[in-house]
Amino acid sequence: MPKQTFFNLSDKKRKTLIEAAEHEFSRVPLFEASVSNIIKSAGIPRGSFYQYFNDKEDLYFFLLDEKLQESKKRFIFLLNKHEGDLIEAMKELYHHFLIIIPDEEERNFLRNAMLYTTNKVEKSFADMFDAKQDRERFKEISELIDRKRLNVKSDQEIVHIFQIISAIAFHNFIEKTMKKLSDEEAMKEFTIMLEMIKQGIYKQK
């Protein structure tokens, strides 16, 4: 997490530093990113950077967490839109990531996070819907899910479903890149896999 000195900055200075970091992390994955490029773009001394963050990883995971928080907000919106249908909301959330995101830098940032994943990056995605990490947000999401559709008995089983779907999304995106699939082809494969999951977790009419 950032140091308090970062939060003490003016909105303009914080925004400039964040934009510089996002540009660098969208250009290259974390392990290739350069603090020198970030501070040059932000127009700050190297010493100031380390007053705000411990290192580039500290800054990177702060940005990743901010983006995942936005994804949670979007998922809550989609759960409302689909009347608590968990699978349909997840389909549209992935579709948004894959096709709709208009900001090329944001798309590349998330692309690099998924393609050059580490255990810590993967844990960040896996923790996105973990009750232990964000009890308040999980409670909000959990209450929106129409459980009458599902063969689940506890919140922990809901967490497991999220983890399974996250793993499928990771696999789908990597396969899309390796096989050079179109967005539509990748979305079709993702939908097929989620329909298979749906058969297992949804009550049959």
N, C-alpha and C. Protein backbone atom coordinates (compact mmCIF):
# COMPACT_ATOMS: atom_id res chain seq x y z
N MET A 1 0.84 -1.20 0.00
CA MET A 1 0.00 0.00 0.00
C MET A 1 0.87 1.25 0.00
N PRO A 2 0.37 2.33 -0.58
CA PRO A 2 1.13 3.58 -0.58
C PRO A 2 1.36 4.08 0.85
N LYS A 3 2.40 4.87 1.00
CA LYS A 3 2.65 5.50 2.30
C LYS A 3 1.73 6.71 2.44
N GLN A 4 1.58 7.19 3.65
CA GLN A 4 0.67 8.31 3.90
C GLN A 4 1.07 9.54 3.10
N THR A 5 2.37 9.70 2.84
CA THR A 5 2.84 10.86 2.07
C THR A 5 2.19 10.91 0.68
N PHE A 6 1.88 9.75 0.11
CA PHE A 6 1.22 9.72 -1.20
C PHE A 6 -0.18 10.32 -1.09
N PHE A 7 -0.90 9.95 -0.04
CA PHE A 7 -2.26 10.45 0.13
C PHE A 7 -2.27 11.93 0.53
N ASN A 8 -1.13 12.42 1.02
CA ASN A 8 -1.04 13.83 1.38
C ASN A 8 -0.80 14.73 0.17
N LEU A 9 -0.47 14.12 -0.97
CA LEU A 9 -0.25 14.89 -2.20
C LEU A 9 -1.54 15.54 -2.67
N SER A 10 -1.42 16.59 -3.45
CA SER A 10 -2.61 17.19 -4.07
C SER A 10 -3.20 16.20 -5.07
N ASP A 11 -4.47 16.38 -5.38
CA ASP A 11 -5.12 15.49 -6.35
C ASP A 11 -4.38 15.50 -7.68
N LYS A 12 -3.93 16.67 -8.10
CA LYS A 12 -3.24 16.81 -9.39
C LYS A 12 -1.95 16.00 -9.40
N LYS A 13 -1.15 16.09 -8.33
CA LYS A 13 0.12 15.37 -8.28
C LYS A 13 -0.09 13.86 -8.20
N ARG A 14 -1.10 13.45 -7.42
CA ARG A 14 -1.41 12.02 -7.35
C ARG A 14 -1.82 11.49 -8.72
N LYS A 15 -2.67 12.26 -9.40
CA LYS A 15 -3.16 11.85 -10.71
C LYS A 15 -2.01 11.74 -11.71
N THR A 16 -1.08 12.68 -11.67
CA THR A 16 0.06 12.67 -12.59
C THR A 16 0.91 11.43 -12.37
N LEU A 17 1.17 11.09 -11.12
CA LEU A 17 1.98 9.91 -10.80
C LEU A 17 1.27 8.63 -11.21
N ILE A 18 -0.02 8.54 -10.94
CA ILE A 18 -0.80 7.35 -11.29
C ILE A 18 -0.83 7.17 -12.81
N GLU A 19 -1.03 8.25 -13.54
CA GLU A 19 -1.07 8.17 -15.01
C GLU A 19 0.27 7.72 -15.57
N ALA A 20 1.36 8.21 -14.98
CA ALA A 20 2.69 7.80 -15.42
C ALA A 20 2.91 6.32 -15.17
N ALA A 21 2.46 5.85 -14.01
CA ALA A 21 2.61 4.43 -13.67
C ALA A 21 1.75 3.55 -14.56
N GLU A 22 0.52 3.97 -14.80
CA GLU A 22 -0.37 3.19 -15.66
C GLU A 22 0.21 3.07 -17.07
N HIS A 23 0.78 4.15 -17.55
CA HIS A 23 1.39 4.13 -18.89
C HIS A 23 2.53 3.12 -18.93
N GLU A 24 3.37 3.12 -17.92
CA GLU A 24 4.51 2.20 -17.89
C GLU A 24 4.06 0.75 -17.75
N PHE A 25 3.10 0.49 -16.87
CA PHE A 25 2.65 -0.89 -16.65
C PHE A 25 1.77 -1.41 -17.78
N SER A 26 1.25 -0.51 -18.60
CA SER A 26 0.51 -0.96 -19.79
C SER A 26 1.47 -1.20 -20.95
N ARG A 27 2.61 -0.53 -20.91
CA ARG A 27 3.62 -0.69 -21.97
C ARG A 27 4.35 -2.01 -21.85
N VAL A 28 4.69 -2.39 -20.60
CA VAL A 28 5.43 -3.61 -20.34
C VAL A 28 4.90 -4.26 -19.05
N PRO A 29 5.14 -5.57 -18.87
CA PRO A 29 4.73 -6.22 -17.61
C PRO A 29 5.56 -5.71 -16.44
N LEU A 30 5.12 -6.04 -15.24
CA LEU A 30 5.75 -5.55 -14.01
C LEU A 30 7.25 -5.79 -13.98
N PHE A 31 7.70 -7.00 -14.34
CA PHE A 31 9.13 -7.32 -14.19
C PHE A 31 10.01 -6.51 -15.13
N GLU A 32 9.43 -5.93 -16.20
CA GLU A 32 10.21 -5.11 -17.13
C GLU A 32 10.03 -3.62 -16.87
N ALA A 33 9.08 -3.26 -16.03
CA ALA A 33 8.78 -1.85 -15.80
C ALA A 33 9.94 -1.15 -15.10
N SER A 34 10.05 0.13 -15.39
CA SER A 34 11.17 0.92 -14.87
C SER A 34 10.68 2.08 -14.02
N VAL A 35 11.21 2.16 -12.79
CA VAL A 35 10.91 3.31 -11.93
C VAL A 35 11.40 4.59 -12.59
N SER A 36 12.54 4.50 -13.29
CA SER A 36 13.10 5.67 -13.98
C SER A 36 12.12 6.25 -14.98
N ASN A 37 11.45 5.37 -15.74
CA ASN A 37 10.46 5.85 -16.72
C ASN A 37 9.27 6.50 -16.04
N ILE A 38 8.86 5.93 -14.91
CA ILE A 38 7.70 6.46 -14.18
C ILE A 38 8.00 7.86 -13.64
N ILE A 39 9.14 8.00 -12.98
CA ILE A 39 9.45 9.31 -12.38
C ILE A 39 9.75 10.37 -13.44
N LYS A 40 10.33 9.94 -14.56
CA LYS A 40 10.59 10.89 -15.66
C LYS A 40 9.28 11.39 -16.22
N SER A 41 8.33 10.49 -16.44
CA SER A 41 7.03 10.87 -16.99
C SER A 41 6.24 11.72 -15.99
N ALA A 42 6.38 11.39 -14.70
CA ALA A 42 5.64 12.13 -13.66
C ALA A 42 6.32 13.43 -13.28
N GLY A 43 7.59 13.56 -13.65
CA GLY A 43 8.33 14.78 -13.34
C GLY A 43 8.65 14.94 -11.87
N ILE A 44 9.02 13.81 -11.22
CA ILE A 44 9.36 13.85 -9.79
C ILE A 44 10.74 13.24 -9.58
N PRO A 45 11.45 13.64 -8.51
CA PRO A 45 12.76 13.04 -8.21
C PRO A 45 12.59 11.59 -7.75
N ARG A 46 13.63 10.79 -7.93
CA ARG A 46 13.58 9.39 -7.50
C ARG A 46 13.33 9.30 -5.99
N GLY A 47 13.93 10.19 -5.23
CA GLY A 47 13.75 10.16 -3.78
C GLY A 47 12.30 10.35 -3.38
N SER A 48 11.58 11.19 -4.13
CA SER A 48 10.17 11.43 -3.83
C SER A 48 9.35 10.17 -4.06
N PHE A 49 9.70 9.42 -5.13
CA PHE A 49 8.96 8.18 -5.42
C PHE A 49 9.00 7.26 -4.21
N TYR A 50 10.17 7.10 -3.59
CA TYR A 50 10.31 6.18 -2.47
C TYR A 50 9.75 6.74 -1.16
N GLN A 51 9.36 8.03 -1.20
CA GLN A 51 8.61 8.57 -0.07
C GLN A 51 7.14 8.16 -0.16
N TYR A 52 6.71 7.82 -1.37
CA TYR A 52 5.31 7.46 -1.60
C TYR A 52 5.07 5.95 -1.63
N PHE A 53 6.05 5.21 -2.18
CA PHE A 53 5.92 3.76 -2.32
C PHE A 53 7.22 3.07 -1.97
N ASN A 54 7.13 1.84 -1.50
CA ASN A 54 8.34 1.09 -1.15
C ASN A 54 9.15 0.75 -2.40
N ASP A 55 8.45 0.38 -3.46
CA ASP A 55 9.10 -0.02 -4.71
C ASP A 55 8.05 -0.05 -5.81
N LYS A 56 8.45 -0.48 -7.01
CA LYS A 56 7.49 -0.48 -8.13
C LYS A 56 6.38 -1.51 -7.91
N GLU A 57 6.68 -2.61 -7.20
CA GLU A 57 5.64 -3.61 -6.92
C GLU A 57 4.56 -3.02 -6.03
N ASP A 58 4.97 -2.22 -5.07
CA ASP A 58 4.02 -1.58 -4.16
C ASP A 58 3.04 -0.72 -4.96
N LEU A 59 3.57 0.06 -5.89
CA LEU A 59 2.74 0.92 -6.74
C LEU A 59 1.86 0.08 -7.67
N TYR A 60 2.45 -0.95 -8.26
CA TYR A 60 1.72 -1.81 -9.20
C TYR A 60 0.50 -2.47 -8.54
N PHE A 61 0.70 -3.05 -7.37
CA PHE A 61 -0.41 -3.75 -6.73
C PHE A 61 -1.45 -2.79 -6.16
N PHE A 62 -1.04 -1.56 -5.87
CA PHE A 62 -2.02 -0.54 -5.52
C PHE A 62 -2.92 -0.26 -6.72
N LEU A 63 -2.32 -0.10 -7.91
CA LEU A 63 -3.10 0.16 -9.12
C LEU A 63 -3.99 -1.03 -9.47
N LEU A 64 -3.43 -2.25 -9.36
CA LEU A 64 -4.21 -3.44 -9.68
C LEU A 64 -5.41 -3.56 -8.75
N ASP A 65 -5.21 -3.30 -7.47
CA ASP A 65 -6.31 -3.37 -6.52
C ASP A 65 -7.39 -2.33 -6.84
N GLU A 66 -6.97 -1.13 -7.25
CA GLU A 66 -7.93 -0.09 -7.62
C GLU A 66 -8.80 -0.55 -8.79
N LYS A 67 -8.17 -1.20 -9.77
CA LYS A 67 -8.90 -1.68 -10.95
C LYS A 67 -9.83 -2.83 -10.59
N LEU A 68 -9.40 -3.69 -9.68
CA LEU A 68 -10.25 -4.79 -9.26
C LEU A 68 -11.44 -4.30 -8.44
N GLN A 69 -11.23 -3.22 -7.68
CA GLN A 69 -12.34 -2.61 -6.96
C GLN A 69 -13.39 -2.08 -7.93
N GLU A 70 -12.92 -1.49 -9.05
CA GLU A 70 -13.84 -1.01 -10.07
C GLU A 70 -14.60 -2.18 -10.69
N SER A 71 -13.91 -3.30 -10.87
CA SER A 71 -14.57 -4.49 -11.43
C SER A 71 -15.66 -4.99 -10.49
N LYS A 72 -15.41 -4.93 -9.18
CA LYS A 72 -16.42 -5.34 -8.21
C LYS A 72 -17.66 -4.45 -8.33
N LYS A 73 -17.44 -3.15 -8.48
CA LYS A 73 -18.57 -2.23 -8.62
C LYS A 73 -19.37 -2.56 -9.89
N ARG A 74 -18.65 -2.84 -10.98
CA ARG A 74 -19.32 -3.19 -12.24
C ARG A 74 -20.10 -4.50 -12.06
N PHE A 75 -19.51 -5.46 -11.34
CA PHE A 75 -20.18 -6.75 -11.15
C PHE A 75 -21.46 -6.57 -10.36
N ILE A 76 -21.45 -5.71 -9.37
CA ILE A 76 -22.65 -5.42 -8.59
C ILE A 76 -23.73 -4.84 -9.50
N PHE A 77 -23.33 -3.92 -10.38
CA PHE A 77 -24.27 -3.35 -11.35
C PHE A 77 -24.86 -4.45 -12.24
N LEU A 78 -23.99 -5.37 -12.69
CA LEU A 78 -24.43 -6.43 -13.59
C LEU A 78 -25.32 -7.45 -12.89
N LEU A 79 -25.05 -7.71 -11.62
CA LEU A 79 -25.93 -8.61 -10.85
C LEU A 79 -27.34 -8.02 -10.75
N ASN A 80 -27.41 -6.73 -10.53
CA ASN A 80 -28.72 -6.06 -10.51
C ASN A 80 -29.38 -6.15 -11.88
N LYS A 81 -28.60 -5.90 -12.91
CA LYS A 81 -29.13 -5.93 -14.28
C LYS A 81 -29.69 -7.31 -14.64
N HIS A 82 -28.99 -8.37 -14.22
CA HIS A 82 -29.40 -9.74 -14.56
C HIS A 82 -30.21 -10.41 -13.45
N GLU A 83 -30.72 -9.58 -12.53
CA GLU A 83 -31.63 -10.06 -11.48
C GLU A 83 -31.03 -11.21 -10.67
N GLY A 84 -29.77 -11.05 -10.31
CA GLY A 84 -29.12 -12.02 -9.42
C GLY A 84 -28.56 -13.24 -10.11
N ASP A 85 -28.62 -13.28 -11.44
CA ASP A 85 -28.09 -14.43 -12.18
C ASP A 85 -26.56 -14.34 -12.23
N LEU A 86 -25.91 -15.14 -11.41
CA LEU A 86 -24.46 -15.10 -11.23
C LEU A 86 -23.71 -15.34 -12.54
N ILE A 87 -24.08 -16.38 -13.27
CA ILE A 87 -23.36 -16.74 -14.49
C ILE A 87 -23.52 -15.68 -15.57
N GLU A 88 -24.72 -15.17 -15.76
CA GLU A 88 -24.94 -14.14 -16.78
C GLU A 88 -24.17 -12.87 -16.45
N ALA A 89 -24.10 -12.52 -15.16
CA ALA A 89 -23.33 -11.35 -14.75
C ALA A 89 -21.85 -11.55 -15.01
N MET A 90 -21.33 -12.75 -14.75
CA MET A 90 -19.92 -13.03 -14.98
C MET A 90 -19.59 -13.03 -16.47
N LYS A 91 -20.50 -13.53 -17.28
CA LYS A 91 -20.29 -13.50 -18.73
C LYS A 91 -20.13 -12.06 -19.22
N GLU A 92 -21.02 -11.20 -18.77
CA GLU A 92 -20.96 -9.81 -19.24
C GLU A 92 -19.75 -9.08 -18.68
N LEU A 93 -19.34 -9.42 -17.46
CA LEU A 93 -18.15 -8.80 -16.88
C LEU A 93 -16.92 -9.15 -17.72
N TYR A 94 -16.80 -10.41 -18.11
CA TYR A 94 -15.66 -10.84 -18.93
C TYR A 94 -15.75 -10.24 -20.33
N HIS A 95 -16.95 -10.16 -20.87
CA HIS A 95 -17.15 -9.53 -22.18
C HIS A 95 -16.69 -8.08 -22.15
N HIS A 96 -16.99 -7.39 -21.05
CA HIS A 96 -16.56 -6.00 -20.90
C HIS A 96 -15.03 -5.91 -20.93
N PHE A 97 -14.38 -6.81 -20.19
CA PHE A 97 -12.91 -6.80 -20.16
C PHE A 97 -12.34 -7.12 -21.53
N LEU A 98 -12.92 -8.10 -22.20
CA LEU A 98 -12.37 -8.61 -23.45
C LEU A 98 -12.61 -7.68 -24.63
N ILE A 99 -13.77 -7.07 -24.67
CA ILE A 99 -14.17 -6.37 -25.89
C ILE A 99 -14.49 -4.88 -25.70
N ILE A 100 -15.15 -4.56 -24.59
CA ILE A 100 -15.75 -3.23 -24.49
C ILE A 100 -14.81 -2.15 -23.93
N ILE A 101 -13.88 -2.53 -23.04
CA ILE A 101 -13.03 -1.51 -22.40
C ILE A 101 -12.45 -0.57 -23.46
N PRO A 102 -12.83 0.72 -23.43
CA PRO A 102 -12.40 1.65 -24.47
C PRO A 102 -10.98 2.18 -24.28
N ASP A 103 -10.51 2.18 -23.05
CA ASP A 103 -9.19 2.74 -22.74
C ASP A 103 -8.11 1.71 -23.06
N GLU A 104 -7.31 1.98 -24.08
CA GLU A 104 -6.30 1.03 -24.52
C GLU A 104 -5.26 0.76 -23.44
N GLU A 105 -4.90 1.80 -22.68
CA GLU A 105 -3.91 1.62 -21.61
C GLU A 105 -4.46 0.69 -20.53
N GLU A 106 -5.72 0.89 -20.17
CA GLU A 106 -6.32 0.02 -19.14
C GLU A 106 -6.38 -1.41 -19.64
N ARG A 107 -6.77 -1.58 -20.90
CA ARG A 107 -6.83 -2.92 -21.48
C ARG A 107 -5.46 -3.59 -21.44
N ASN A 108 -4.41 -2.83 -21.82
CA ASN A 108 -3.05 -3.39 -21.84
C ASN A 108 -2.53 -3.67 -20.43
N PHE A 109 -2.90 -2.81 -19.48
CA PHE A 109 -2.50 -3.04 -18.09
C PHE A 109 -3.04 -4.39 -17.62
N LEU A 110 -4.33 -4.63 -17.83
CA LEU A 110 -4.95 -5.88 -17.39
C LEU A 110 -4.43 -7.06 -18.21
N ARG A 111 -4.17 -6.82 -19.49
CA ARG A 111 -3.61 -7.86 -20.35
C ARG A 111 -2.26 -8.32 -19.81
N ASN A 112 -1.39 -7.37 -19.48
CA ASN A 112 -0.07 -7.71 -18.94
C ASN A 112 -0.19 -8.43 -17.60
N ALA A 113 -1.16 -8.00 -16.79
CA ALA A 113 -1.35 -8.64 -15.48
C ALA A 113 -1.72 -10.11 -15.65
N MET A 114 -2.55 -10.42 -16.65
CA MET A 114 -3.01 -11.79 -16.84
C MET A 114 -2.00 -12.64 -17.59
N LEU A 115 -1.32 -12.05 -18.57
CA LEU A 115 -0.37 -12.82 -19.37
C LEU A 115 0.94 -13.12 -18.63
N TYR A 116 1.37 -12.17 -17.82
CA TYR A 116 2.64 -12.33 -17.11
C TYR A 116 2.36 -12.47 -15.62
N THR A 117 1.39 -13.33 -15.33
CA THR A 117 0.94 -13.46 -13.95
C THR A 117 1.98 -14.11 -13.04
N THR A 118 1.99 -13.69 -11.81
CA THR A 118 2.78 -14.32 -10.76
C THR A 118 1.80 -14.83 -9.72
N ASN A 119 2.30 -15.55 -8.73
CA ASN A 119 1.40 -16.04 -7.67
C ASN A 119 0.69 -14.89 -6.98
N LYS A 120 1.41 -13.77 -6.82
CA LYS A 120 0.82 -12.62 -6.13
C LYS A 120 -0.26 -11.97 -6.99
N VAL A 121 -0.01 -11.88 -8.31
CA VAL A 121 -1.01 -11.32 -9.21
C VAL A 121 -2.24 -12.21 -9.25
N GLU A 122 -2.01 -13.51 -9.39
CA GLU A 122 -3.13 -14.45 -9.45
C GLU A 122 -3.94 -14.41 -8.16
N LYS A 123 -3.25 -14.24 -7.02
CA LYS A 123 -3.95 -14.16 -5.73
C LYS A 123 -4.82 -12.89 -5.69
N SER A 124 -4.33 -11.80 -6.27
CA SER A 124 -5.11 -10.57 -6.29
C SER A 124 -6.42 -10.78 -7.03
N PHE A 125 -6.38 -11.47 -8.16
CA PHE A 125 -7.60 -11.77 -8.91
C PHE A 125 -8.47 -12.75 -8.14
N ALA A 126 -7.85 -13.77 -7.56
CA ALA A 126 -8.61 -14.78 -6.82
C ALA A 126 -9.30 -14.18 -5.60
N ASP A 127 -8.65 -13.18 -4.98
CA ASP A 127 -9.20 -12.55 -3.77
C ASP A 127 -10.28 -11.52 -4.09
N MET A 128 -10.51 -11.30 -5.38
CA MET A 128 -11.45 -10.26 -5.80
C MET A 128 -12.82 -10.43 -5.15
N PHE A 129 -13.26 -11.68 -4.99
CA PHE A 129 -14.57 -11.95 -4.40
C PHE A 129 -14.45 -12.76 -3.12
N ASP A 130 -13.34 -12.61 -2.41
CA ASP A 130 -13.10 -13.38 -1.19
C ASP A 130 -13.69 -12.64 0.02
N ALA A 131 -14.55 -13.33 0.75
CA ALA A 131 -15.20 -12.72 1.90
C ALA A 131 -14.20 -12.24 2.95
N LYS A 132 -13.06 -12.94 3.05
CA LYS A 132 -12.07 -12.57 4.07
C LYS A 132 -11.36 -11.27 3.71
N GLN A 133 -11.24 -10.98 2.42
CA GLN A 133 -10.50 -9.80 1.98
C GLN A 133 -11.34 -8.53 2.01
N ASP A 134 -12.63 -8.66 1.75
CA ASP A 134 -13.50 -7.48 1.67
C ASP A 134 -14.91 -7.90 2.10
N ARG A 135 -15.10 -8.00 3.41
CA ARG A 135 -16.35 -8.53 3.95
C ARG A 135 -17.56 -7.70 3.51
N GLU A 136 -17.42 -6.38 3.55
CA GLU A 136 -18.55 -5.51 3.23
C GLU A 136 -18.99 -5.68 1.78
N ARG A 137 -18.01 -5.67 0.85
CA ARG A 137 -18.34 -5.82 -0.56
C ARG A 137 -18.88 -7.22 -0.86
N PHE A 138 -18.28 -8.23 -0.22
CA PHE A 138 -18.75 -9.60 -0.45
C PHE A 138 -20.19 -9.75 0.03
N LYS A 139 -20.50 -9.14 1.17
CA LYS A 139 -21.86 -9.21 1.71
C LYS A 139 -22.84 -8.60 0.72
N GLU A 140 -22.44 -7.46 0.13
CA GLU A 140 -23.31 -6.79 -0.84
C GLU A 140 -23.54 -7.68 -2.06
N ILE A 141 -22.46 -8.29 -2.56
CA ILE A 141 -22.56 -9.18 -3.72
C ILE A 141 -23.39 -10.42 -3.38
N SER A 142 -23.09 -11.00 -2.23
CA SER A 142 -23.76 -12.23 -1.81
C SER A 142 -25.27 -12.05 -1.71
N GLU A 143 -25.68 -10.90 -1.20
CA GLU A 143 -27.10 -10.64 -1.02
C GLU A 143 -27.83 -10.41 -2.35
N LEU A 144 -27.06 -10.01 -3.38
CA LEU A 144 -27.67 -9.77 -4.68
C LEU A 144 -27.84 -11.05 -5.49
N ILE A 145 -27.03 -12.08 -5.19
CA ILE A 145 -27.10 -13.33 -5.94
C ILE A 145 -28.41 -14.06 -5.64
N ASP A 146 -29.08 -14.46 -6.69
CA ASP A 146 -30.33 -15.21 -6.52
C ASP A 146 -29.98 -16.66 -6.22
N ARG A 147 -29.95 -17.00 -4.95
CA ARG A 147 -29.52 -18.33 -4.53
C ARG A 147 -30.56 -19.41 -4.81
N LYS A 148 -31.78 -18.98 -5.09
CA LYS A 148 -32.81 -19.97 -5.42
C LYS A 148 -32.47 -20.71 -6.71
N ARG A 149 -31.60 -20.10 -7.53
CA ARG A 149 -31.18 -20.72 -8.79
C ARG A 149 -30.09 -21.77 -8.56
N LEU A 150 -29.40 -21.69 -7.41
CA LEU A 150 -28.14 -22.42 -7.23
C LEU A 150 -28.23 -23.62 -6.29
N ASN A 151 -27.36 -24.58 -6.56
CA ASN A 151 -27.18 -25.72 -5.65
C ASN A 151 -26.02 -25.42 -4.70
N VAL A 152 -26.15 -24.37 -3.90
CA VAL A 152 -25.11 -24.01 -2.95
C VAL A 152 -25.70 -23.88 -1.56
N LYS A 153 -24.87 -24.13 -0.56
CA LYS A 153 -25.37 -24.12 0.81
C LYS A 153 -24.70 -23.06 1.69
N SER A 154 -23.62 -22.45 1.21
CA SER A 154 -22.90 -21.52 2.08
C SER A 154 -22.18 -20.45 1.26
N ASP A 155 -21.75 -19.40 1.96
CA ASP A 155 -20.96 -18.36 1.32
C ASP A 155 -19.65 -18.92 0.78
N GLN A 156 -19.06 -19.88 1.49
CA GLN A 156 -17.79 -20.45 1.06
C GLN A 156 -17.93 -21.13 -0.30
N GLU A 157 -19.07 -21.76 -0.53
CA GLU A 157 -19.31 -22.39 -1.83
C GLU A 157 -19.43 -21.32 -2.93
N ILE A 158 -19.99 -20.17 -2.59
CA ILE A 158 -20.04 -19.05 -3.54
C ILE A 158 -18.63 -18.61 -3.89
N VAL A 159 -17.77 -18.50 -2.87
CA VAL A 159 -16.37 -18.12 -3.10
C VAL A 159 -15.69 -19.12 -4.03
N HIS A 160 -15.94 -20.41 -3.82
CA HIS A 160 -15.35 -21.43 -4.68
C HIS A 160 -15.81 -21.28 -6.13
N ILE A 161 -17.08 -20.92 -6.32
CA ILE A 161 -17.58 -20.70 -7.67
C ILE A 161 -16.84 -19.55 -8.33
N PHE A 162 -16.65 -18.46 -7.60
CA PHE A 162 -15.90 -17.32 -8.13
C PHE A 162 -14.48 -17.73 -8.51
N GLN A 163 -13.85 -18.52 -7.65
CA GLN A 163 -12.47 -18.96 -7.92
C GLN A 163 -12.39 -19.82 -9.17
N ILE A 164 -13.38 -20.69 -9.36
CA ILE A 164 -13.41 -21.55 -10.55
C ILE A 164 -13.58 -20.69 -11.81
N ILE A 165 -14.51 -19.74 -11.76
CA ILE A 165 -14.76 -18.89 -12.93
C ILE A 165 -13.55 -18.00 -13.23
N SER A 166 -12.87 -17.51 -12.18
CA SER A 166 -11.66 -16.71 -12.38
C SER A 166 -10.58 -17.53 -13.08
N ALA A 167 -10.43 -18.79 -12.67
CA ALA A 167 -9.44 -19.67 -13.28
C ALA A 167 -9.78 -19.92 -14.75
N ILE A 168 -11.07 -20.07 -15.05
CA ILE A 168 -11.50 -20.27 -16.43
C ILE A 168 -11.21 -19.03 -17.27
N ALA A 169 -11.45 -17.85 -16.70
CA ALA A 169 -11.17 -16.60 -17.42
C ALA A 169 -9.68 -16.46 -17.71
N PHE A 170 -8.83 -16.78 -16.72
CA PHE A 170 -7.37 -16.75 -16.93
C PHE A 170 -6.99 -17.68 -18.08
N HIS A 171 -7.47 -18.90 -18.02
CA HIS A 171 -7.14 -19.90 -19.04
C HIS A 171 -7.62 -19.44 -20.42
N ASN A 172 -8.82 -18.90 -20.47
CA ASN A 172 -9.39 -18.46 -21.74
C ASN A 172 -8.57 -17.34 -22.35
N PHE A 173 -8.17 -16.38 -21.52
CA PHE A 173 -7.43 -15.23 -22.06
C PHE A 173 -6.05 -15.64 -22.55
N ILE A 174 -5.39 -16.52 -21.81
CA ILE A 174 -4.07 -17.00 -22.24
C ILE A 174 -4.18 -17.81 -23.52
N GLU A 175 -5.20 -18.66 -23.60
CA GLU A 175 -5.42 -19.45 -24.81
C GLU A 175 -5.73 -18.55 -26.00
N LYS A 176 -6.51 -17.52 -25.77
CA LYS A 176 -6.84 -16.56 -26.83
C LYS A 176 -5.57 -15.94 -27.40
N THR A 177 -4.64 -15.59 -26.50
CA THR A 177 -3.40 -14.95 -26.93
C THR A 177 -2.48 -15.94 -27.64
N MET A 178 -2.34 -17.12 -27.07
CA MET A 178 -1.44 -18.12 -27.66
C MET A 178 -1.94 -18.61 -29.01
N LYS A 179 -3.24 -18.80 -29.13
CA LYS A 179 -3.83 -19.32 -30.38
C LYS A 179 -4.28 -18.22 -31.32
N LYS A 180 -4.08 -16.94 -30.87
CA LYS A 180 -4.48 -15.80 -31.68
C LYS A 180 -5.98 -15.85 -32.05
N LEU A 181 -6.79 -16.18 -31.06
CA LEU A 181 -8.24 -16.21 -31.27
C LEU A 181 -8.78 -14.79 -31.32
N SER A 182 -9.85 -14.59 -32.05
CA SER A 182 -10.51 -13.29 -32.05
C SER A 182 -11.25 -13.11 -30.72
N ASP A 183 -11.65 -11.88 -30.42
CA ASP A 183 -12.43 -11.63 -29.20
C ASP A 183 -13.70 -12.47 -29.20
N GLU A 184 -14.34 -12.54 -30.36
CA GLU A 184 -15.60 -13.28 -30.47
C GLU A 184 -15.39 -14.78 -30.24
N GLU A 185 -14.29 -15.33 -30.79
CA GLU A 185 -13.99 -16.76 -30.61
C GLU A 185 -13.70 -17.06 -29.14
N ALA A 186 -12.93 -16.17 -28.50
CA ALA A 186 -12.60 -16.37 -27.09
C ALA A 186 -13.85 -16.28 -26.23
N MET A 187 -14.72 -15.32 -26.55
CA MET A 187 -15.95 -15.15 -25.77
C MET A 187 -16.85 -16.36 -25.95
N LYS A 188 -16.88 -16.92 -27.15
CA LYS A 188 -17.69 -18.11 -27.39
C LYS A 188 -17.19 -19.28 -26.55
N GLU A 189 -15.86 -19.48 -26.49
CA GLU A 189 -15.28 -20.56 -25.68
C GLU A 189 -15.58 -20.35 -24.20
N PHE A 190 -15.45 -19.10 -23.74
CA PHE A 190 -15.71 -18.77 -22.34
C PHE A 190 -17.17 -19.07 -21.99
N THR A 191 -18.07 -18.70 -22.89
CA THR A 191 -19.50 -18.93 -22.68
C THR A 191 -19.81 -20.41 -22.58
N ILE A 192 -19.20 -21.21 -23.47
CA ILE A 192 -19.42 -22.66 -23.44
C ILE A 192 -18.99 -23.24 -22.09
N MET A 193 -17.81 -22.81 -21.60
CA MET A 193 -17.31 -23.34 -20.33
C MET A 193 -18.20 -22.91 -19.16
N LEU A 194 -18.69 -21.66 -19.21
CA LEU A 194 -19.57 -21.21 -18.13
C LEU A 194 -20.93 -21.92 -18.18
N GLU A 195 -21.39 -22.25 -19.36
CA GLU A 195 -22.64 -23.01 -19.47
C GLU A 195 -22.47 -24.40 -18.86
N MET A 196 -21.27 -24.98 -19.02
CA MET A 196 -21.01 -26.29 -18.41
C MET A 196 -21.00 -26.18 -16.89
N ILE A 197 -20.39 -25.09 -16.37
CA ILE A 197 -20.40 -24.85 -14.92
C ILE A 197 -21.85 -24.66 -14.45
N LYS A 198 -22.59 -23.91 -15.24
CA LYS A 198 -23.98 -23.61 -14.89
C LYS A 198 -24.80 -24.89 -14.71
N GLN A 199 -24.57 -25.88 -15.56
CA GLN A 199 -25.28 -27.14 -15.46
C GLN A 199 -25.04 -27.84 -14.12
N GLY A 200 -23.86 -27.58 -13.56
CA GLY A 200 -23.52 -28.23 -12.30
C GLY A 200 -24.00 -27.48 -11.07
N ILE A 201 -24.06 -26.14 -11.14
CA ILE A 201 -24.38 -25.37 -9.94
C ILE A 201 -25.81 -24.82 -9.94
N TYR A 202 -26.47 -24.84 -11.10
CA TYR A 202 -27.84 -24.34 -11.15
C TYR A 202 -28.84 -25.49 -10.94
N LYS A 203 -29.91 -25.21 -10.24
CA LYS A 203 -30.96 -26.20 -10.07
C LYS A 203 -31.64 -26.44 -11.41
N GLN A 204 -31.91 -27.67 -11.71
CA GLN A 204 -32.56 -28.02 -12.97
C GLN A 204 -34.06 -27.84 -12.85
N LYS A 205 -34.64 -27.20 -13.87
CA LYS A 205 -36.09 -26.97 -13.83
C LYS A 205 -36.84 -28.22 -14.27
